[in-house]
Amino acid sequence: MWTICDGNTKGVLPGMTEAAAGCAAPLDQRLADHAAPVLACAPGLAGQPYQLSAAISLA
């Protein structure tokens, strides 16, 4: 599986490259995509911003 930026695999094809400035928006979107499902599985993380961030990053 091909990756760019910080390990993004969604829609990545062989030979694709991305400048550092172009990596921020896709990373933010991927993290946002995982936030709701993580909170659904672990609602106790809602008041724990550091732990929630870690769980979202892991997901």
PDB file of N, CA and C in Angstrom:
ATOM      1  N   MET A   1       0.844  -1.169   0.000  1.00  0.00           N
ATOM      2  CA  MET A   1       0.000   0.000   0.000  1.00  0.00           C
ATOM      3  C   MET A   1       0.897   1.244   0.000  1.00  0.00           C
ATOM      4  N   TRP A   2       0.574   2.196  -0.833  1.00  0.00           N
ATOM      5  CA  TRP A   2       1.346   3.421  -0.968  1.00  0.00           C
ATOM      6  C   TRP A   2       0.878   4.464   0.037  1.00  0.00           C
ATOM      7  N   THR A   3       1.810   5.272   0.505  1.00  0.00           N
ATOM      8  CA  THR A   3       1.480   6.334   1.449  1.00  0.00           C
ATOM      9  C   THR A   3       2.140   7.649   1.042  1.00  0.00           C
ATOM     10  N   ILE A   4       1.537   8.750   1.488  1.00  0.00           N
ATOM     11  CA  ILE A   4       2.149  10.075   1.373  1.00  0.00           C
ATOM     12  C   ILE A   4       1.945  10.789   2.698  1.00  0.00           C
ATOM     13  N   CYS A   5       2.618  11.870   2.889  1.00  0.00           N
ATOM     14  CA  CYS A   5       2.507  12.726   4.075  1.00  0.00           C
ATOM     15  C   CYS A   5       2.782  11.942   5.345  1.00  0.00           C
ATOM     16  N   ASP A   6       1.811  11.903   6.252  1.00  0.00           N
ATOM     17  CA  ASP A   6       1.988  11.233   7.540  1.00  0.00           C
ATOM     18  C   ASP A   6       1.389   9.842   7.532  1.00  0.00           C
ATOM     19  N   GLY A   7       1.483   9.145   6.414  1.00  0.00           N
ATOM     20  CA  GLY A   7       0.950   7.790   6.325  1.00  0.00           C
ATOM     21  C   GLY A   7      -0.418   7.712   5.686  1.00  0.00           C
ATOM     22  N   ASN A   8      -0.850   8.776   5.039  1.00  0.00           N
ATOM     23  CA  ASN A   8      -2.144   8.767   4.374  1.00  0.00           C
ATOM     24  C   ASN A   8      -2.129   7.762   3.231  1.00  0.00           C
ATOM     25  N   THR A   9      -3.122   6.880   3.182  1.00  0.00           N
ATOM     26  CA  THR A   9      -3.210   5.883   2.117  1.00  0.00           C
ATOM     27  C   THR A   9      -4.424   6.090   1.231  1.00  0.00           C
ATOM     28  N   LYS A  10      -5.368   6.932   1.643  1.00  0.00           N
ATOM     29  CA  LYS A  10      -6.620   7.110   0.913  1.00  0.00           C
ATOM     30  C   LYS A  10      -6.373   7.808  -0.427  1.00  0.00           C
ATOM     31  N   GLY A  11      -6.654   7.094  -1.513  1.00  0.00           N
ATOM     32  CA  GLY A  11      -6.525   7.656  -2.844  1.00  0.00           C
ATOM     33  C   GLY A  11      -5.099   7.838  -3.333  1.00  0.00           C
ATOM     34  N   VAL A  12      -4.128   7.234  -2.673  1.00  0.00           N
ATOM     35  CA  VAL A  12      -2.723   7.408  -3.044  1.00  0.00           C
ATOM     36  C   VAL A  12      -2.341   6.389  -4.114  1.00  0.00           C
ATOM     37  N   LEU A  13      -1.666   6.865  -5.127  1.00  0.00           N
ATOM     38  CA  LEU A  13      -1.212   6.022  -6.231  1.00  0.00           C
ATOM     39  C   LEU A  13       0.319   6.023  -6.272  1.00  0.00           C
ATOM     40  N   PRO A  14       0.918   5.004  -6.873  1.00  0.00           N
ATOM     41  CA  PRO A  14       2.373   4.966  -6.979  1.00  0.00           C
ATOM     42  C   PRO A  14       2.910   6.230  -7.649  1.00  0.00           C
ATOM     43  N   GLY A  15       3.963   6.792  -7.078  1.00  0.00           N
ATOM     44  CA  GLY A  15       4.611   7.967  -7.631  1.00  0.00           C
ATOM     45  C   GLY A  15       4.049   9.292  -7.161  1.00  0.00           C
ATOM     46  N   MET A  16       2.955   9.268  -6.392  1.00  0.00           N
ATOM     47  CA  MET A  16       2.386  10.523  -5.906  1.00  0.00           C
ATOM     48  C   MET A  16       3.309  11.148  -4.873  1.00  0.00           C
ATOM     49  N   THR A  17       3.394  12.462  -4.898  1.00  0.00           N
ATOM     50  CA  THR A  17       4.141  13.213  -3.896  1.00  0.00           C
ATOM     51  C   THR A  17       3.288  14.385  -3.448  1.00  0.00           C
ATOM     52  N   GLU A  18       3.632  14.927  -2.300  1.00  0.00           N
ATOM     53  CA  GLU A  18       2.907  16.075  -1.774  1.00  0.00           C
ATOM     54  C   GLU A  18       3.877  16.935  -0.996  1.00  0.00           C
ATOM     55  N   ALA A  19       3.789  18.244  -1.176  1.00  0.00           N
ATOM     56  CA  ALA A  19       4.613  19.175  -0.409  1.00  0.00           C
ATOM     57  C   ALA A  19       4.101  19.210   1.026  1.00  0.00           C
ATOM     58  N   ALA A  20       4.954  19.603   1.950  1.00  0.00           N
ATOM     59  CA  ALA A  20       4.579  19.640   3.366  1.00  0.00           C
ATOM     60  C   ALA A  20       3.331  20.482   3.599  1.00  0.00           C
ATOM     61  N   ALA A  21       3.213  21.589   2.899  1.00  0.00           N
ATOM     62  CA  ALA A  21       2.051  22.466   3.068  1.00  0.00           C
ATOM     63  C   ALA A  21       0.759  21.778   2.632  1.00  0.00           C
ATOM     64  N   GLY A  22       0.836  20.878   1.701  1.00  0.00           N
ATOM     65  CA  GLY A  22      -0.348  20.177   1.208  1.00  0.00           C
ATOM     66  C   GLY A  22      -0.761  19.001   2.057  1.00  0.00           C
ATOM     67  N   CYS A  23       0.010  18.657   3.055  1.00  0.00           N
ATOM     68  CA  CYS A  23      -0.300  17.504   3.902  1.00  0.00           C
ATOM     69  C   CYS A  23      -1.220  17.851   5.068  1.00  0.00           C
ATOM     70  N   ALA A  24      -1.291  19.100   5.462  1.00  0.00           N
ATOM     71  CA  ALA A  24      -2.053  19.480   6.656  1.00  0.00           C
ATOM     72  C   ALA A  24      -3.552  19.261   6.493  1.00  0.00           C
ATOM     73  N   ALA A  25      -4.138  19.709   5.408  1.00  0.00           N
ATOM     74  CA  ALA A  25      -5.590  19.601   5.231  1.00  0.00           C
ATOM     75  C   ALA A  25      -6.062  18.147   5.171  1.00  0.00           C
ATOM     76  N   PRO A  26      -5.425  17.276   4.396  1.00  0.00           N
ATOM     77  CA  PRO A  26      -5.875  15.881   4.388  1.00  0.00           C
ATOM     78  C   PRO A  26      -5.726  15.210   5.755  1.00  0.00           C
ATOM     79  N   LEU A  27      -4.679  15.541   6.482  1.00  0.00           N
ATOM     80  CA  LEU A  27      -4.500  14.960   7.816  1.00  0.00           C
ATOM     81  C   LEU A  27      -5.606  15.431   8.745  1.00  0.00           C
ATOM     82  N   ASP A  28      -5.917  16.712   8.723  1.00  0.00           N
ATOM     83  CA  ASP A  28      -6.998  17.234   9.555  1.00  0.00           C
ATOM     84  C   ASP A  28      -8.320  16.549   9.219  1.00  0.00           C
ATOM     85  N   GLN A  29      -8.577  16.338   7.939  1.00  0.00           N
ATOM     86  CA  GLN A  29      -9.829  15.698   7.526  1.00  0.00           C
ATOM     87  C   GLN A  29      -9.892  14.251   8.000  1.00  0.00           C
ATOM     88  N   ARG A  30      -8.797  13.528   7.869  1.00  0.00           N
ATOM     89  CA  ARG A  30      -8.774  12.120   8.295  1.00  0.00           C
ATOM     90  C   ARG A  30      -8.978  12.014   9.804  1.00  0.00           C
ATOM     91  N   LEU A  31      -8.380  12.922  10.566  1.00  0.00           N
ATOM     92  CA  LEU A  31      -8.585  12.919  12.014  1.00  0.00           C
ATOM     93  C   LEU A  31     -10.035  13.233  12.353  1.00  0.00           C
ATOM     94  N   ALA A  32     -10.626  14.199  11.657  1.00  0.00           N
ATOM     95  CA  ALA A  32     -12.028  14.544  11.896  1.00  0.00           C
ATOM     96  C   ALA A  32     -12.951  13.379  11.552  1.00  0.00           C
ATOM     97  N   ASP A  33     -12.622  12.635  10.508  1.00  0.00           N
ATOM     98  CA  ASP A  33     -13.426  11.476  10.113  1.00  0.00           C
ATOM     99  C   ASP A  33     -13.469  10.414  11.207  1.00  0.00           C
ATOM    100  N   HIS A  34     -12.419  10.322  12.008  1.00  0.00           N
ATOM    101  CA  HIS A  34     -12.332   9.292  13.046  1.00  0.00           C
ATOM    102  C   HIS A  34     -12.861   9.747  14.406  1.00  0.00           C
ATOM    103  N   ALA A  35     -13.103  11.035  14.590  1.00  0.00           N
ATOM    104  CA  ALA A  35     -13.488  11.544  15.904  1.00  0.00           C
ATOM    105  C   ALA A  35     -14.832  10.991  16.381  1.00  0.00           C
ATOM    106  N   ALA A  36     -15.864  11.071  15.565  1.00  0.00           N
ATOM    107  CA  ALA A  36     -17.194  10.623  15.982  1.00  0.00           C
ATOM    108  C   ALA A  36     -17.236   9.131  16.304  1.00  0.00           C
ATOM    109  N   PRO A  37     -16.654   8.259  15.466  1.00  0.00           N
ATOM    110  CA  PRO A  37     -16.679   6.843  15.817  1.00  0.00           C
ATOM    111  C   PRO A  37     -15.905   6.525  17.108  1.00  0.00           C
ATOM    112  N   VAL A  38     -14.817   7.226  17.350  1.00  0.00           N
ATOM    113  CA  VAL A  38     -14.060   7.007  18.587  1.00  0.00           C
ATOM    114  C   VAL A  38     -14.898   7.425  19.786  1.00  0.00           C
ATOM    115  N   LEU A  39     -15.540   8.571  19.697  1.00  0.00           N
ATOM    116  CA  LEU A  39     -16.389   9.021  20.798  1.00  0.00           C
ATOM    117  C   LEU A  39     -17.587   8.097  21.004  1.00  0.00           C
ATOM    118  N   ALA A  40     -18.103   7.516  19.934  1.00  0.00           N
ATOM    119  CA  ALA A  40     -19.221   6.576  20.060  1.00  0.00           C
ATOM    120  C   ALA A  40     -18.792   5.324  20.820  1.00  0.00           C
ATOM    121  N   CYS A  41     -17.565   4.892  20.605  1.00  0.00           N
ATOM    122  CA  CYS A  41     -17.058   3.691  21.284  1.00  0.00           C
ATOM    123  C   CYS A  41     -16.551   3.986  22.688  1.00  0.00           C
ATOM    124  N   ALA A  42     -16.082   5.193  22.916  1.00  0.00           N
ATOM    125  CA  ALA A  42     -15.493   5.548  24.212  1.00  0.00           C
ATOM    126  C   ALA A  42     -15.989   6.931  24.633  1.00  0.00           C
ATOM    127  N   PRO A  43     -17.260   7.061  25.017  1.00  0.00           N
ATOM    128  CA  PRO A  43     -17.806   8.378  25.349  1.00  0.00           C
ATOM    129  C   PRO A  43     -17.130   9.041  26.544  1.00  0.00           C
ATOM    130  N   GLY A  44     -16.479   8.274  27.396  1.00  0.00           N
ATOM    131  CA  GLY A  44     -15.781   8.840  28.541  1.00  0.00           C
ATOM    132  C   GLY A  44     -14.584   9.697  28.165  1.00  0.00           C
ATOM    133  N   LEU A  45     -14.154   9.618  26.919  1.00  0.00           N
ATOM    134  CA  LEU A  45     -13.023  10.428  26.465  1.00  0.00           C
ATOM    135  C   LEU A  45     -13.432  11.863  26.137  1.00  0.00           C
ATOM    136  N   ALA A  46     -14.725  12.156  26.130  1.00  0.00           N
ATOM    137  CA  ALA A  46     -15.206  13.482  25.743  1.00  0.00           C
ATOM    138  C   ALA A  46     -14.604  14.597  26.596  1.00  0.00           C
ATOM    139  N   GLY A  47     -14.352  14.364  27.860  1.00  0.00           N
ATOM    140  CA  GLY A  47     -13.784  15.401  28.713  1.00  0.00           C
ATOM    141  C   GLY A  47     -12.287  15.270  28.904  1.00  0.00           C
ATOM    142  N   GLN A  48     -11.652  14.441  28.105  1.00  0.00           N
ATOM    143  CA  GLN A  48     -10.218  14.166  28.220  1.00  0.00           C
ATOM    144  C   GLN A  48      -9.527  14.495  26.893  1.00  0.00           C
ATOM    145  N   PRO A  49      -9.198  15.748  26.631  1.00  0.00           N
ATOM    146  CA  PRO A  49      -8.715  16.115  25.298  1.00  0.00           C
ATOM    147  C   PRO A  49      -7.433  15.404  24.860  1.00  0.00           C
ATOM    148  N   TYR A  50      -6.503  15.187  25.769  1.00  0.00           N
ATOM    149  CA  TYR A  50      -5.250  14.537  25.363  1.00  0.00           C
ATOM    150  C   TYR A  50      -5.473  13.060  25.062  1.00  0.00           C
ATOM    151  N   GLN A  51      -6.257  12.389  25.897  1.00  0.00           N
ATOM    152  CA  GLN A  51      -6.552  10.984  25.678  1.00  0.00           C
ATOM    153  C   GLN A  51      -7.407  10.801  24.421  1.00  0.00           C
ATOM    154  N   LEU A  52      -8.363  11.716  24.211  1.00  0.00           N
ATOM    155  CA  LEU A  52      -9.189  11.648  23.010  1.00  0.00           C
ATOM    156  C   LEU A  52      -8.328  11.833  21.761  1.00  0.00           C
ATOM    157  N   SER A  53      -7.429  12.781  21.799  1.00  0.00           N
ATOM    158  CA  SER A  53      -6.523  12.997  20.644  1.00  0.00           C
ATOM    159  C   SER A  53      -5.695  11.764  20.360  1.00  0.00           C
ATOM    160  N   ALA A  54      -5.196  11.124  21.394  1.00  0.00           N
ATOM    161  CA  ALA A  54      -4.402   9.910  21.216  1.00  0.00           C
ATOM    162  C   ALA A  54      -5.239   8.795  20.617  1.00  0.00           C
ATOM    163  N   ALA A  55      -6.473   8.625  21.105  1.00  0.00           N
ATOM    164  CA  ALA A  55      -7.342   7.566  20.580  1.00  0.00           C
ATOM    165  C   ALA A  55      -7.711   7.823  19.123  1.00  0.00           C
ATOM    166  N   ILE A  56      -7.992   9.071  18.770  1.00  0.00           N
ATOM    167  CA  ILE A  56      -8.325   9.411  17.389  1.00  0.00           C
ATOM    168  C   ILE A  56      -7.117   9.158  16.492  1.00  0.00           C
ATOM    169  N   SER A  57      -5.947   9.541  16.948  1.00  0.00           N
ATOM    170  CA  SER A  57      -4.730   9.316  16.176  1.00  0.00           C
ATOM    171  C   SER A  57      -4.492   7.817  15.959  1.00  0.00           C
ATOM    172  N   LEU A  58      -4.721   7.036  16.972  1.00  0.00           N
ATOM    173  CA  LEU A  58      -4.544   5.586  16.861  1.00  0.00           C
ATOM    174  C   LEU A  58      -5.533   5.005  15.869  1.00  0.00           C
ATOM    175  N   ALA A  59      -6.771   5.491  15.923  1.00  0.00           N
ATOM    176  CA  ALA A  59      -7.805   4.981  15.008  1.00  0.00           C
ATOM    177  C   ALA A  59      -7.452   5.300  13.556  1.00  0.00           C
TER     178      ALA A  59
END
